[in-house]
């Protein structure tokens, strides 16, 4: 296992908080060989531009695998002791599960069950969406609730948890 990273790390933050760049830095310092598990899907031009900006920032040295739905399976098949995995991001994964009307609790439980058996370290990135106002519609409230439950589940299993705001990380656990 790469010695600079614990088995499971969770990085939370708001939109444009610097959480992805912080998480990428953790992984880049740990190993020259690294895997980016992308959960985002390019549904429109704006999302394509976001994905492109992330790819440009990462630069060379990253292998990318797209895992918009089957995250636990993708982790289980790609985790290696000599290569950390960055999952960006859990909140987009929740969106994909909701839009596809998948069993969200079952998917969360499958992910949680996969973590102890992973061969190498994983760093999860996710948007913390529970700090703002209560959303005005049922779908947005359900998303906020699902994301909050997933964050609690992953944080309880994580060795380290970081919260990033304005590009500044705060270590919350570990």
Protein backbone atom coordinates (compact mmCIF):
# COMPACT_ATOMS: atom_id res chain seq x y z
CA UNK A 1 0.00 0.00 0.00
CA UNK A 2 1.18 3.54 -0.63
CA UNK A 3 2.43 4.65 2.75
CA UNK A 4 1.37 8.30 2.50
CA UNK A 5 -2.34 7.59 2.37
CA UNK A 6 -4.60 5.78 4.81
CA UNK A 7 -6.94 3.10 3.47
CA UNK A 8 -9.99 5.41 3.21
CA UNK A 9 -10.02 9.22 3.03
CA UNK A 10 -13.10 11.43 2.60
CA UNK A 11 -12.76 15.02 1.33
CA UNK A 12 -15.87 17.18 1.66
CA UNK A 13 -16.50 20.77 0.63
CA UNK A 14 -18.85 23.08 -1.18
CA UNK A 15 -18.93 23.85 -4.89
CA UNK A 16 -15.67 25.43 -6.05
CA UNK A 17 -14.19 25.03 -2.57
CA UNK A 18 -10.95 23.44 -3.79
CA UNK A 19 -11.86 19.96 -2.56
CA UNK A 20 -10.97 18.14 -5.79
CA UNK A 21 -7.61 19.90 -6.14
CA UNK A 22 -6.83 19.11 -2.49
CA UNK A 23 -7.76 15.43 -2.96
CA UNK A 24 -5.73 15.23 -6.17
CA UNK A 25 -2.74 16.61 -4.29
CA UNK A 26 -3.08 13.92 -1.61
CA UNK A 27 -3.07 11.21 -4.27
CA UNK A 28 -0.28 12.77 -6.35
CA UNK A 29 2.03 13.02 -3.33
CA UNK A 30 1.37 9.36 -2.52
CA UNK A 31 2.19 7.76 -5.86
CA UNK A 32 3.27 8.38 -9.43
CA UNK A 33 0.71 5.74 -10.47
CA UNK A 34 -2.87 6.80 -9.74
CA UNK A 35 -6.41 6.10 -10.86
CA UNK A 36 -9.26 8.59 -11.20
CA UNK A 37 -12.71 7.00 -10.90
CA UNK A 38 -15.08 9.50 -12.48
CA UNK A 39 -18.75 9.41 -11.56
CA UNK A 40 -19.78 12.46 -13.59
CA UNK A 41 -21.62 12.16 -16.86
CA UNK A 42 -21.47 14.79 -19.60
CA UNK A 43 -25.18 15.43 -20.09
CA UNK A 44 -24.73 18.96 -21.46
CA UNK A 45 -22.11 21.50 -22.58
CA UNK A 46 -21.66 22.94 -19.09
CA UNK A 47 -20.89 19.51 -17.63
CA UNK A 48 -18.56 18.71 -20.52
CA UNK A 49 -16.66 21.93 -19.74
CA UNK A 50 -16.41 21.00 -16.04
CA UNK A 51 -15.09 17.54 -16.87
CA UNK A 52 -12.57 19.02 -19.31
CA UNK A 53 -11.35 21.53 -16.70
CA UNK A 54 -10.81 18.70 -14.19
CA UNK A 55 -8.91 16.67 -16.80
CA UNK A 56 -6.73 19.64 -17.74
CA UNK A 57 -5.90 20.38 -14.09
CA UNK A 58 -4.93 16.77 -13.38
CA UNK A 59 -2.56 16.58 -16.31
CA UNK A 60 -0.40 13.52 -16.97
CA UNK A 61 0.01 10.50 -14.72
CA UNK A 62 -3.64 9.67 -14.20
CA UNK A 63 -5.54 6.71 -15.57
CA UNK A 64 -9.28 7.42 -15.75
CA UNK A 65 -12.14 4.96 -15.42
CA UNK A 66 -15.75 6.06 -15.66
CA UNK A 67 -18.03 4.62 -12.99
CA UNK A 68 -21.30 6.56 -12.99
CA UNK A 69 -23.31 3.80 -11.26
CA UNK A 70 -21.37 0.64 -10.33
CA UNK A 71 -18.92 2.36 -7.99
CA UNK A 72 -18.34 -0.53 -5.57
CA UNK A 73 -17.61 -2.94 -8.43
CA UNK A 74 -15.28 -0.45 -10.13
CA UNK A 75 -13.36 0.04 -6.88
CA UNK A 76 -13.13 -3.68 -6.19
CA UNK A 77 -11.80 -4.40 -9.66
CA UNK A 78 -9.33 -1.52 -9.89
CA UNK A 79 -7.89 -0.95 -6.40
CA UNK A 80 -4.23 -1.98 -6.11
CA UNK A 81 -1.74 -1.66 -3.29
CA UNK A 82 0.68 0.33 -5.47
CA UNK A 83 -1.89 2.79 -6.88
CA UNK A 84 -4.28 5.03 -4.95
CA UNK A 85 -7.76 5.64 -6.33
CA UNK A 86 -9.49 9.01 -6.34
CA UNK A 87 -13.29 8.88 -6.60
CA UNK A 88 -14.70 12.20 -7.78
CA UNK A 89 -17.37 12.53 -6.73
CA UNK A 90 -19.86 10.83 -4.45
CA UNK A 91 -22.51 13.53 -4.79
CA UNK A 92 -22.63 13.04 -8.58
CA UNK A 93 -22.90 9.32 -7.95
CA UNK A 94 -25.93 9.98 -5.72
CA UNK A 95 -27.44 12.08 -8.54
CA UNK A 96 -26.90 9.24 -11.03
CA UNK A 97 -28.50 6.73 -8.69
CA UNK A 98 -31.50 8.97 -8.09
CA UNK A 99 -32.05 9.81 -11.77
CA UNK A 100 -31.82 6.13 -12.68
CA UNK A 101 -34.23 5.24 -9.86
CA UNK A 102 -31.78 2.75 -8.37
CA UNK A 103 -31.98 1.33 -4.85
CA UNK A 104 -29.89 3.98 -3.14
CA UNK A 105 -29.58 2.33 0.26
CA UNK A 106 -28.47 -0.93 -1.35
CA UNK A 107 -25.85 0.92 -3.44
CA UNK A 108 -24.56 2.74 -0.34
CA UNK A 109 -24.37 -0.52 1.61
CA UNK A 110 -22.57 -2.26 -1.27
CA UNK A 111 -19.97 0.52 -1.33
CA UNK A 112 -19.50 0.37 2.44
CA UNK A 113 -19.07 -3.41 2.35
CA UNK A 114 -16.44 -3.14 -0.41
CA UNK A 115 -14.14 -0.73 1.45
CA UNK A 116 -12.50 -3.10 3.96
CA UNK A 117 -11.47 -5.50 1.20
CA UNK A 118 -9.90 -2.97 -1.16
CA UNK A 119 -6.28 -3.71 -2.07
CA UNK A 120 -5.15 -0.09 -1.91
CA UNK A 121 -6.07 3.37 -0.64
CA UNK A 122 -9.07 5.31 -1.87
CA UNK A 123 -9.82 9.03 -1.57
CA UNK A 124 -13.45 10.06 -1.96
CA UNK A 125 -14.51 13.59 -2.90
CA UNK A 126 -18.04 14.86 -2.32
CA UNK A 127 -20.05 18.06 -2.14
CA UNK A 128 -21.27 18.93 1.33
CA UNK A 129 -24.77 20.15 0.55
CA UNK A 130 -26.31 20.13 4.01
CA UNK A 131 -25.03 23.52 5.17
CA UNK A 132 -27.43 25.73 3.24
CA UNK A 133 -31.12 26.44 3.28
CA UNK A 134 -33.72 23.69 3.11
CA UNK A 135 -34.39 23.08 -0.61
CA UNK A 136 -37.81 24.09 -1.91
CA UNK A 137 -38.63 20.81 -3.68
CA UNK A 138 -38.89 17.16 -2.74
CA UNK A 139 -36.21 15.90 -5.14
CA UNK A 140 -33.62 18.40 -3.92
CA UNK A 141 -34.46 17.58 -0.29
CA UNK A 142 -34.14 13.86 -1.03
CA UNK A 143 -30.77 14.47 -2.69
CA UNK A 144 -29.53 16.48 0.31
CA UNK A 145 -30.72 13.75 2.69
CA UNK A 146 -29.18 10.90 0.66
CA UNK A 147 -25.87 12.75 0.37
CA UNK A 148 -25.83 13.48 4.10
CA UNK A 149 -26.50 9.84 4.96
CA UNK A 150 -23.78 8.64 2.57
CA UNK A 151 -21.28 11.13 3.99
CA UNK A 152 -21.98 9.91 7.51
CA UNK A 153 -21.59 6.29 6.43
CA UNK A 154 -18.30 6.86 4.60
CA UNK A 155 -16.96 9.19 7.32
CA UNK A 156 -17.60 6.51 9.94
CA UNK A 157 -15.49 4.06 7.91
CA UNK A 158 -12.81 6.54 6.85
CA UNK A 159 -9.41 6.82 8.48
CA UNK A 160 -9.23 10.52 7.57
CA UNK A 161 -11.89 13.13 6.80
CA UNK A 162 -11.09 16.63 5.51
CA UNK A 163 -13.40 19.59 4.96
CA UNK A 164 -12.28 22.17 2.39
CA UNK A 165 -13.55 25.75 2.24
CA UNK A 166 -12.00 28.59 0.21
CA UNK A 167 -9.19 26.23 -0.78
CA UNK A 168 -8.23 25.64 2.86
CA UNK A 169 -8.44 22.10 4.25
CA UNK A 170 -9.54 21.35 7.78
CA UNK A 171 -8.72 17.87 9.05
CA UNK A 172 -11.79 16.57 10.86
CA UNK A 173 -10.75 12.97 11.54
CA UNK A 174 -7.50 11.04 11.64
